[in-house]
Each structure stands twice: as structure tokens, then as C-alpha cells.
Amino acid sequence: MLFPHYKKPENLFYLKREEKISHFKLWAMILLSLKLIIKRMDKKGAVQMEIPEEAGLISVFESLPKRKDETDTFYYDTSIYVSENEYEAVEITLSPFYDEFIMDVKDKKTNHVLSYLKLLSVNKMEIAADKKNHAMIRLFHGESDLYVNIVEITLKPRFKLIFREQYR
């Protein structure tokens, strides 16, 4: 078999063992596969963390990031966002190049730590909701052929974290 069957929607073709194809079609399929792989790779060959644009993160966290190195691009830098709601203060550290996501949540009145999360292999981060009274992000972590770990973090109106392991 030339290509395995993929379950992800980003993979656009499937080959059956009996299917006969031309050399042109075969090369087109190979190039398309490589394009999909290269799209997610950096210069050193590692798979990149998919992350929203910096402007989207500023909007959902309602704060400007503190950058470690202002001369570096957003993707290669470490950014710290501080987000607050009525009850909690949330500090999020993002290092997209290293696939790292660190979150520290504290009660605003007592300064006690309510939650701490450190993930070192985040594949994808997306903004699930970005409204005035509701903000939520979603992380995809620890993917395998059988499952994916999904972490949903609600920032507003109150902090909430939901972790689930989902079979593909």
C-alpha cells in the first residue's frame, strides 16, 4: 500500500490497493502529502504548534503580552499574558516554538493558587470563544493514532478547566 488511510480531514486522498493511477496522479498525491507535512514543520524539521495570531490572543486574554525578547518574532519568543475576571487572575506563558503552555490561576482576594497547568507538548491552540462576557481557549495535547487530549479553559465569566481524552 502506497499511503496509509488517514482519519484527519486535512488529508485529502485515500488509496485502495486495487486502484490503478497514473504516474502524474501519483506524483501529485506525493507532493500534496509533502505540502501538508511541510506546512506544519519548522526549519529544523520539528512539527510546529498551531497557534492563533498574536492579535487574537491579545483579544481573548484582554492584555498585551510581556515578551522575553522583543526582537524575536512572536512564534520564536516566549510571551506572558495576564488575564483577570471578577474572581481570578490567570497568568499564561506561551512558547509556541517549544510547544509549551503554562497556566497559573490565583484567587484575587486571597492570592491562593487555584490551578497550575504545565504542558510541554501542545500540538494546537485555538480560540473557542472571544466575547465580552465569555472567553475560552482550547488546547490539543498528546495526540496519538488512537486518541487526542483536549483541554478547554474558560477565562470568563469564571475560570473553568475541562480535560478530556477523546478517541479519534
N, C-alpha and C. Protein backbone atom coordinates (compact mmCIF):
# COMPACT_ATOMS: atom_id res chain seq x y z
N MET A 1 0.84 -1.18 0.00
CA MET A 1 0.00 0.00 0.00
C MET A 1 0.89 1.25 0.00
N LEU A 2 0.62 2.18 -0.88
CA LEU A 2 1.45 3.36 -1.01
C LEU A 2 1.25 4.37 0.10
N PHE A 3 0.02 4.61 0.49
CA PHE A 3 -0.29 5.61 1.51
C PHE A 3 -1.24 5.00 2.53
N PRO A 4 -1.02 5.27 3.80
CA PRO A 4 -1.98 4.77 4.80
C PRO A 4 -3.28 5.57 4.73
N HIS A 5 -4.35 4.99 5.23
CA HIS A 5 -5.62 5.71 5.31
C HIS A 5 -5.56 6.65 6.50
N TYR A 6 -5.89 7.89 6.27
CA TYR A 6 -5.87 8.88 7.33
C TYR A 6 -7.29 9.19 7.77
N LYS A 7 -7.43 9.52 9.04
CA LYS A 7 -8.73 9.87 9.57
C LYS A 7 -8.92 11.38 9.66
N LYS A 8 -7.83 12.14 9.60
CA LYS A 8 -7.92 13.59 9.70
C LYS A 8 -8.50 14.18 8.41
N PRO A 9 -9.32 15.21 8.52
CA PRO A 9 -9.90 15.82 7.33
C PRO A 9 -8.88 16.54 6.47
N GLU A 10 -7.70 16.91 7.05
CA GLU A 10 -6.71 17.65 6.26
C GLU A 10 -6.06 16.77 5.19
N ASN A 11 -6.14 15.47 5.34
CA ASN A 11 -5.58 14.57 4.35
C ASN A 11 -6.64 14.32 3.29
N LEU A 12 -6.34 14.67 2.07
CA LEU A 12 -7.37 14.79 1.06
C LEU A 12 -7.59 13.56 0.19
N PHE A 13 -6.80 12.52 0.35
CA PHE A 13 -6.97 11.40 -0.54
C PHE A 13 -6.80 10.07 0.19
N TYR A 14 -7.37 9.06 -0.38
CA TYR A 14 -7.27 7.70 0.11
C TYR A 14 -6.95 6.80 -1.08
N LEU A 15 -6.09 5.84 -0.89
CA LEU A 15 -5.76 4.90 -1.97
C LEU A 15 -6.21 3.51 -1.58
N LYS A 16 -6.82 2.83 -2.50
CA LYS A 16 -7.17 1.44 -2.29
C LYS A 16 -6.12 0.59 -2.99
N ARG A 17 -5.91 -0.57 -2.51
CA ARG A 17 -4.88 -1.44 -3.04
C ARG A 17 -5.10 -1.75 -4.52
N GLU A 18 -6.33 -1.88 -4.94
CA GLU A 18 -6.63 -2.26 -6.31
C GLU A 18 -6.64 -1.07 -7.28
N GLU A 19 -6.64 0.15 -6.76
CA GLU A 19 -6.80 1.32 -7.62
C GLU A 19 -5.53 1.53 -8.47
N LYS A 20 -5.74 1.69 -9.77
CA LYS A 20 -4.62 1.97 -10.67
C LYS A 20 -4.60 3.47 -10.93
N ILE A 21 -3.41 4.06 -10.82
CA ILE A 21 -3.30 5.50 -11.03
C ILE A 21 -2.13 5.79 -11.97
N SER A 22 -2.18 6.93 -12.59
CA SER A 22 -1.10 7.33 -13.49
C SER A 22 0.07 7.86 -12.66
N HIS A 23 1.24 7.92 -13.29
CA HIS A 23 2.42 8.46 -12.63
C HIS A 23 2.21 9.92 -12.25
N PHE A 24 1.54 10.65 -13.11
CA PHE A 24 1.27 12.07 -12.84
C PHE A 24 0.41 12.22 -11.57
N LYS A 25 -0.63 11.41 -11.48
CA LYS A 25 -1.52 11.48 -10.31
C LYS A 25 -0.76 11.06 -9.05
N LEU A 26 0.08 10.04 -9.17
CA LEU A 26 0.86 9.59 -8.03
C LEU A 26 1.78 10.70 -7.53
N TRP A 27 2.50 11.37 -8.45
CA TRP A 27 3.39 12.46 -8.04
C TRP A 27 2.61 13.63 -7.45
N ALA A 28 1.46 13.90 -8.00
CA ALA A 28 0.62 14.96 -7.45
C ALA A 28 0.20 14.64 -6.02
N MET A 29 -0.15 13.38 -5.78
CA MET A 29 -0.55 12.97 -4.43
C MET A 29 0.62 13.03 -3.46
N ILE A 30 1.81 12.63 -3.92
CA ILE A 30 3.01 12.68 -3.07
C ILE A 30 3.32 14.14 -2.72
N LEU A 31 3.29 15.01 -3.72
CA LEU A 31 3.57 16.43 -3.47
C LEU A 31 2.55 17.05 -2.52
N LEU A 32 1.30 16.67 -2.66
CA LEU A 32 0.27 17.17 -1.76
C LEU A 32 0.53 16.70 -0.33
N SER A 33 0.92 15.44 -0.18
CA SER A 33 1.25 14.91 1.15
C SER A 33 2.42 15.67 1.76
N LEU A 34 3.45 15.89 0.97
CA LEU A 34 4.61 16.63 1.46
C LEU A 34 4.25 18.06 1.83
N LYS A 35 3.39 18.67 1.05
CA LYS A 35 2.96 20.03 1.35
C LYS A 35 2.23 20.09 2.69
N LEU A 36 1.38 19.10 2.97
CA LEU A 36 0.67 19.05 4.25
C LEU A 36 1.63 18.85 5.41
N ILE A 37 2.67 18.04 5.20
CA ILE A 37 3.65 17.80 6.25
C ILE A 37 4.52 19.04 6.46
N ILE A 38 5.02 19.61 5.38
CA ILE A 38 5.90 20.78 5.47
C ILE A 38 5.18 21.98 6.06
N LYS A 39 3.89 22.08 5.82
CA LYS A 39 3.10 23.18 6.35
C LYS A 39 3.20 23.25 7.87
N ARG A 40 3.36 22.09 8.52
CA ARG A 40 3.42 22.03 9.97
C ARG A 40 4.85 21.87 10.49
N MET A 41 5.85 22.07 9.66
CA MET A 41 7.23 21.87 10.12
C MET A 41 8.01 23.16 10.11
N ASP A 42 8.95 23.28 11.03
CA ASP A 42 9.83 24.44 11.03
C ASP A 42 11.11 24.09 10.26
N LYS A 43 12.09 24.98 10.32
CA LYS A 43 13.32 24.80 9.55
C LYS A 43 14.14 23.59 10.01
N LYS A 44 14.00 23.21 11.28
CA LYS A 44 14.76 22.07 11.79
C LYS A 44 14.03 20.76 11.63
N GLY A 45 12.83 20.77 11.09
CA GLY A 45 12.11 19.54 10.83
C GLY A 45 11.15 19.12 11.93
N ALA A 46 11.01 19.93 12.97
CA ALA A 46 10.08 19.58 14.05
C ALA A 46 8.68 20.09 13.72
N VAL A 47 7.68 19.37 14.20
CA VAL A 47 6.30 19.78 13.96
C VAL A 47 5.99 20.99 14.83
N GLN A 48 5.42 22.02 14.23
CA GLN A 48 5.13 23.26 14.93
C GLN A 48 3.79 23.19 15.65
N MET A 49 3.71 23.96 16.71
CA MET A 49 2.46 24.15 17.41
C MET A 49 1.60 25.10 16.59
N GLU A 50 0.37 24.69 16.30
CA GLU A 50 -0.56 25.58 15.60
C GLU A 50 -1.14 26.53 16.65
N ILE A 51 -1.06 27.81 16.37
CA ILE A 51 -1.48 28.81 17.35
C ILE A 51 -2.15 29.98 16.65
N PRO A 52 -3.14 30.61 17.29
CA PRO A 52 -3.77 31.78 16.66
C PRO A 52 -2.77 32.93 16.52
N GLU A 53 -3.14 33.90 15.71
CA GLU A 53 -2.31 35.09 15.56
C GLU A 53 -2.21 35.82 16.89
N GLU A 54 -1.15 36.58 17.05
CA GLU A 54 -0.92 37.31 18.31
C GLU A 54 -2.07 38.27 18.62
N ALA A 55 -2.66 38.90 17.61
CA ALA A 55 -3.78 39.82 17.83
C ALA A 55 -4.99 39.10 18.42
N GLY A 56 -5.24 37.87 17.99
CA GLY A 56 -6.34 37.09 18.54
C GLY A 56 -6.12 36.74 20.00
N LEU A 57 -4.87 36.43 20.34
CA LEU A 57 -4.56 36.12 21.74
C LEU A 57 -4.68 37.36 22.63
N ILE A 58 -4.26 38.49 22.11
CA ILE A 58 -4.40 39.75 22.85
C ILE A 58 -5.87 40.02 23.12
N SER A 59 -6.71 39.74 22.16
CA SER A 59 -8.14 39.96 22.30
C SER A 59 -8.77 39.02 23.33
N VAL A 60 -8.46 37.73 23.26
CA VAL A 60 -9.09 36.78 24.17
C VAL A 60 -8.57 36.94 25.61
N PHE A 61 -7.29 37.26 25.77
CA PHE A 61 -6.73 37.44 27.11
C PHE A 61 -6.93 38.86 27.64
N GLU A 62 -7.33 39.78 26.76
CA GLU A 62 -7.53 41.19 27.10
C GLU A 62 -6.30 41.80 27.76
N SER A 63 -5.13 41.47 27.25
CA SER A 63 -3.89 42.06 27.76
C SER A 63 -2.80 41.95 26.70
N LEU A 64 -1.88 42.88 26.76
CA LEU A 64 -0.71 42.83 25.89
C LEU A 64 0.30 41.87 26.51
N PRO A 65 1.00 41.11 25.69
CA PRO A 65 1.95 40.15 26.25
C PRO A 65 3.24 40.83 26.72
N LYS A 66 3.81 40.25 27.77
CA LYS A 66 5.17 40.61 28.16
C LYS A 66 6.05 39.64 27.40
N ARG A 67 6.92 40.18 26.56
CA ARG A 67 7.76 39.33 25.71
C ARG A 67 9.14 39.18 26.32
N LYS A 68 9.71 38.01 26.17
CA LYS A 68 11.06 37.77 26.68
C LYS A 68 12.09 38.50 25.82
N ASP A 69 11.91 38.44 24.51
CA ASP A 69 12.83 39.08 23.57
C ASP A 69 12.02 39.80 22.50
N GLU A 70 11.96 41.11 22.58
CA GLU A 70 11.15 41.90 21.65
C GLU A 70 11.67 41.83 20.21
N THR A 71 12.92 41.46 20.03
CA THR A 71 13.48 41.40 18.67
C THR A 71 13.10 40.12 17.94
N ASP A 72 12.71 39.10 18.69
CA ASP A 72 12.32 37.83 18.09
C ASP A 72 10.88 37.90 17.59
N THR A 73 10.55 37.06 16.62
CA THR A 73 9.17 37.01 16.16
C THR A 73 8.32 36.33 17.23
N PHE A 74 7.02 36.56 17.18
CA PHE A 74 6.10 36.01 18.17
C PHE A 74 6.25 34.50 18.31
N TYR A 75 6.37 33.80 17.20
CA TYR A 75 6.41 32.34 17.24
C TYR A 75 7.65 31.82 17.96
N TYR A 76 8.78 32.48 17.84
CA TYR A 76 10.03 32.02 18.43
C TYR A 76 10.29 32.61 19.80
N ASP A 77 9.42 33.47 20.27
CA ASP A 77 9.58 34.13 21.56
C ASP A 77 8.70 33.48 22.62
N THR A 78 8.95 33.81 23.87
CA THR A 78 8.08 33.40 24.98
C THR A 78 7.27 34.61 25.39
N SER A 79 5.94 34.46 25.45
CA SER A 79 5.04 35.56 25.79
C SER A 79 4.26 35.21 27.05
N ILE A 80 4.07 36.22 27.91
CA ILE A 80 3.30 36.04 29.14
C ILE A 80 2.09 36.97 29.08
N TYR A 81 0.90 36.37 29.21
CA TYR A 81 -0.35 37.12 29.22
C TYR A 81 -0.95 37.04 30.62
N VAL A 82 -1.48 38.16 31.11
CA VAL A 82 -2.16 38.18 32.39
C VAL A 82 -3.61 38.57 32.12
N SER A 83 -4.51 37.68 32.48
CA SER A 83 -5.93 37.89 32.26
C SER A 83 -6.64 37.85 33.60
N GLU A 84 -7.65 38.71 33.76
CA GLU A 84 -8.38 38.74 35.02
C GLU A 84 -9.88 38.75 34.76
N ASN A 85 -10.61 38.12 35.67
CA ASN A 85 -12.05 38.27 35.70
C ASN A 85 -12.39 38.78 37.10
N GLU A 86 -13.63 38.72 37.48
CA GLU A 86 -14.03 39.28 38.78
C GLU A 86 -13.41 38.53 39.95
N TYR A 87 -13.12 37.25 39.79
CA TYR A 87 -12.68 36.41 40.91
C TYR A 87 -11.24 35.91 40.83
N GLU A 88 -10.73 35.71 39.61
CA GLU A 88 -9.42 35.09 39.46
C GLU A 88 -8.49 35.92 38.59
N ALA A 89 -7.19 35.70 38.82
CA ALA A 89 -6.15 36.25 37.95
C ALA A 89 -5.45 35.06 37.30
N VAL A 90 -5.32 35.10 35.99
CA VAL A 90 -4.75 33.99 35.23
C VAL A 90 -3.50 34.49 34.52
N GLU A 91 -2.39 33.80 34.74
CA GLU A 91 -1.14 34.11 34.04
C GLU A 91 -0.83 32.95 33.11
N ILE A 92 -0.70 33.26 31.82
CA ILE A 92 -0.44 32.23 30.82
C ILE A 92 0.88 32.54 30.13
N THR A 93 1.75 31.54 30.11
CA THR A 93 3.04 31.65 29.44
C THR A 93 3.00 30.75 28.21
N LEU A 94 3.27 31.34 27.06
CA LEU A 94 3.25 30.60 25.78
C LEU A 94 4.63 30.62 25.15
N SER A 95 5.09 29.46 24.75
CA SER A 95 6.32 29.33 23.96
C SER A 95 6.00 28.44 22.76
N PRO A 96 5.42 29.02 21.70
CA PRO A 96 4.98 28.20 20.56
C PRO A 96 6.07 27.35 19.94
N PHE A 97 7.28 27.87 19.83
CA PHE A 97 8.36 27.11 19.19
C PHE A 97 8.67 25.84 19.98
N TYR A 98 8.54 25.91 21.30
CA TYR A 98 8.83 24.76 22.16
C TYR A 98 7.57 23.98 22.53
N ASP A 99 6.42 24.35 21.97
CA ASP A 99 5.14 23.67 22.22
C ASP A 99 4.72 23.73 23.69
N GLU A 100 5.14 24.77 24.40
CA GLU A 100 4.87 24.87 25.83
C GLU A 100 3.72 25.81 26.13
N PHE A 101 2.94 25.40 27.13
CA PHE A 101 1.82 26.20 27.63
C PHE A 101 1.83 26.05 29.15
N ILE A 102 1.95 27.17 29.86
CA ILE A 102 1.95 27.16 31.32
C ILE A 102 0.86 28.13 31.79
N MET A 103 0.04 27.66 32.73
CA MET A 103 -1.04 28.50 33.24
C MET A 103 -1.03 28.44 34.76
N ASP A 104 -1.12 29.61 35.38
CA ASP A 104 -1.17 29.74 36.83
C ASP A 104 -2.40 30.58 37.17
N VAL A 105 -3.34 30.01 37.92
CA VAL A 105 -4.59 30.69 38.26
C VAL A 105 -4.61 30.93 39.77
N LYS A 106 -4.84 32.20 40.16
CA LYS A 106 -4.88 32.55 41.58
C LYS A 106 -6.17 33.27 41.91
N ASP A 107 -6.63 33.05 43.13
CA ASP A 107 -7.79 33.78 43.65
C ASP A 107 -7.36 35.23 43.88
N LYS A 108 -8.15 36.18 43.42
CA LYS A 108 -7.76 37.60 43.53
C LYS A 108 -7.76 38.09 44.97
N LYS A 109 -8.68 37.61 45.81
CA LYS A 109 -8.76 38.09 47.19
C LYS A 109 -7.67 37.49 48.08
N THR A 110 -7.45 36.18 47.97
CA THR A 110 -6.51 35.51 48.88
C THR A 110 -5.14 35.25 48.27
N ASN A 111 -5.01 35.36 46.97
CA ASN A 111 -3.77 35.09 46.24
C ASN A 111 -3.35 33.62 46.32
N HIS A 112 -4.29 32.73 46.67
CA HIS A 112 -4.02 31.29 46.71
C HIS A 112 -4.08 30.73 45.29
N VAL A 113 -3.22 29.77 45.04
CA VAL A 113 -3.20 29.11 43.74
C VAL A 113 -4.42 28.19 43.64
N LEU A 114 -5.24 28.43 42.63
CA LEU A 114 -6.42 27.59 42.38
C LEU A 114 -6.09 26.47 41.40
N SER A 115 -5.21 26.77 40.45
CA SER A 115 -4.87 25.79 39.44
C SER A 115 -3.50 26.12 38.84
N TYR A 116 -2.77 25.08 38.52
CA TYR A 116 -1.49 25.23 37.83
C TYR A 116 -1.42 24.12 36.79
N LEU A 117 -1.09 24.50 35.57
CA LEU A 117 -1.03 23.54 34.47
C LEU A 117 0.21 23.84 33.65
N LYS A 118 1.02 22.80 33.43
CA LYS A 118 2.21 22.95 32.60
C LYS A 118 2.21 21.82 31.57
N LEU A 119 2.05 22.19 30.32
CA LEU A 119 2.03 21.23 29.22
C LEU A 119 3.24 21.49 28.32
N LEU A 120 3.97 20.45 28.00
CA LEU A 120 5.20 20.59 27.21
C LEU A 120 5.07 20.07 25.79
N SER A 121 3.89 19.62 25.42
CA SER A 121 3.73 19.08 24.06
C SER A 121 2.36 19.43 23.49
N VAL A 122 2.06 20.72 23.44
CA VAL A 122 0.79 21.17 22.88
C VAL A 122 0.91 21.20 21.36
N ASN A 123 -0.01 20.53 20.68
CA ASN A 123 0.01 20.48 19.22
C ASN A 123 -0.71 21.66 18.60
N LYS A 124 -1.80 22.07 19.27
CA LYS A 124 -2.63 23.12 18.68
C LYS A 124 -3.32 23.89 19.79
N MET A 125 -3.46 25.18 19.56
CA MET A 125 -4.22 26.03 20.46
C MET A 125 -5.19 26.82 19.60
N GLU A 126 -6.46 26.89 20.05
CA GLU A 126 -7.43 27.66 19.30
C GLU A 126 -8.30 28.47 20.25
N ILE A 127 -8.85 29.55 19.73
CA ILE A 127 -9.77 30.38 20.50
C ILE A 127 -11.17 29.85 20.25
N ALA A 128 -11.81 29.34 21.30
CA ALA A 128 -13.14 28.76 21.17
C ALA A 128 -14.22 29.81 21.32
N ALA A 129 -13.98 30.85 22.13
CA ALA A 129 -14.95 31.93 22.32
C ALA A 129 -14.19 33.20 22.70
N ASP A 130 -14.60 34.31 22.12
CA ASP A 130 -13.99 35.59 22.43
C ASP A 130 -15.06 36.67 22.38
N LYS A 131 -15.84 36.73 23.46
CA LYS A 131 -16.90 37.72 23.58
C LYS A 131 -16.67 38.54 24.83
N LYS A 132 -17.44 39.59 24.99
CA LYS A 132 -17.26 40.47 26.14
C LYS A 132 -17.41 39.72 27.46
N ASN A 133 -18.41 38.85 27.55
CA ASN A 133 -18.69 38.16 28.80
C ASN A 133 -18.31 36.68 28.80
N HIS A 134 -17.66 36.22 27.74
CA HIS A 134 -17.29 34.80 27.66
C HIS A 134 -16.02 34.65 26.83
N ALA A 135 -14.98 34.09 27.45
CA ALA A 135 -13.73 33.84 26.75
C ALA A 135 -13.27 32.42 27.05
N MET A 136 -12.90 31.68 25.99
CA MET A 136 -12.47 30.29 26.17
C MET A 136 -11.42 29.94 25.12
N ILE A 137 -10.42 29.18 25.55
CA ILE A 137 -9.41 28.65 24.63
C ILE A 137 -9.45 27.13 24.71
N ARG A 138 -8.95 26.49 23.67
CA ARG A 138 -8.93 25.03 23.61
C ARG A 138 -7.53 24.60 23.21
N LEU A 139 -6.98 23.61 23.93
CA LEU A 139 -5.65 23.08 23.65
C LEU A 139 -5.77 21.62 23.23
N PHE A 140 -5.00 21.23 22.24
CA PHE A 140 -4.93 19.84 21.81
C PHE A 140 -3.54 19.35 22.18
N HIS A 141 -3.50 18.31 22.99
CA HIS A 141 -2.25 17.90 23.62
C HIS A 141 -2.12 16.38 23.58
N GLY A 142 -0.92 15.90 23.35
CA GLY A 142 -0.63 14.48 23.44
C GLY A 142 -1.36 13.62 22.44
N GLU A 143 -1.36 14.00 21.18
CA GLU A 143 -2.06 13.22 20.16
C GLU A 143 -1.35 11.89 19.90
N SER A 144 -2.15 10.90 19.58
CA SER A 144 -1.63 9.62 19.12
C SER A 144 -2.55 9.13 18.00
N ASP A 145 -2.29 7.94 17.51
CA ASP A 145 -3.14 7.38 16.47
C ASP A 145 -4.54 7.07 16.98
N LEU A 146 -4.67 6.81 18.28
CA LEU A 146 -5.95 6.39 18.85
C LEU A 146 -6.74 7.51 19.52
N TYR A 147 -6.06 8.49 20.10
CA TYR A 147 -6.76 9.49 20.88
C TYR A 147 -6.09 10.86 20.79
N VAL A 148 -6.78 11.85 21.32
CA VAL A 148 -6.24 13.18 21.47
C VAL A 148 -6.74 13.73 22.81
N ASN A 149 -5.88 14.44 23.53
CA ASN A 149 -6.26 15.08 24.79
C ASN A 149 -6.69 16.50 24.47
N ILE A 150 -7.85 16.88 24.98
CA ILE A 150 -8.37 18.22 24.73
C ILE A 150 -8.57 18.91 26.08
N VAL A 151 -8.00 20.10 26.20
CA VAL A 151 -8.14 20.90 27.42
C VAL A 151 -8.90 22.16 27.04
N GLU A 152 -10.09 22.34 27.64
CA GLU A 152 -10.88 23.55 27.42
C GLU A 152 -10.76 24.43 28.65
N ILE A 153 -10.32 25.67 28.44
CA ILE A 153 -10.10 26.60 29.55
C ILE A 153 -11.01 27.81 29.35
N THR A 154 -11.94 27.98 30.28
CA THR A 154 -12.82 29.15 30.26
C THR A 154 -12.20 30.21 31.15
N LEU A 155 -12.00 31.41 30.61
CA LEU A 155 -11.40 32.51 31.35
C LEU A 155 -12.46 33.45 31.94
N LYS A 156 -13.55 33.63 31.20
CA LYS A 156 -14.65 34.49 31.65
C LYS A 156 -15.96 33.76 31.43
N PRO A 157 -16.95 33.92 32.23
CA PRO A 157 -17.09 34.81 33.39
C PRO A 157 -16.31 34.32 34.61
N ARG A 158 -16.12 32.99 34.75
CA ARG A 158 -15.31 32.42 35.83
C ARG A 158 -14.39 31.37 35.26
N PHE A 159 -13.26 31.18 35.90
CA PHE A 159 -12.30 30.18 35.45
C PHE A 159 -12.91 28.77 35.56
N LYS A 160 -12.70 27.99 34.49
CA LYS A 160 -13.11 26.59 34.49
C LYS A 160 -12.17 25.84 33.56
N LEU A 161 -11.78 24.63 33.97
CA LEU A 161 -10.90 23.80 33.16
C LEU A 161 -11.55 22.44 32.98
N ILE A 162 -11.65 22.00 31.73
CA ILE A 162 -12.19 20.69 31.41
C ILE A 162 -11.13 19.94 30.61
N PHE A 163 -10.76 18.77 31.11
CA PHE A 163 -9.78 17.93 30.41
C PHE A 163 -10.49 16.65 29.99
N ARG A 164 -10.33 16.30 28.72
CA ARG A 164 -10.94 15.06 28.25
C ARG A 164 -10.02 14.39 27.23
N GLU A 165 -10.06 13.08 27.28
CA GLU A 165 -9.34 12.27 26.32
C GLU A 165 -10.38 11.75 25.35
N GLN A 166 -10.17 12.02 24.08
CA GLN A 166 -11.18 11.68 23.07
C GLN A 166 -10.57 10.74 22.04
N TYR A 167 -11.26 9.66 21.79
CA TYR A 167 -10.81 8.75 20.74
C TYR A 167 -11.11 9.36 19.39
N ARG A 168 -10.27 9.09 18.45
CA ARG A 168 -10.44 9.64 17.10
C ARG A 168 -11.56 8.94 16.39
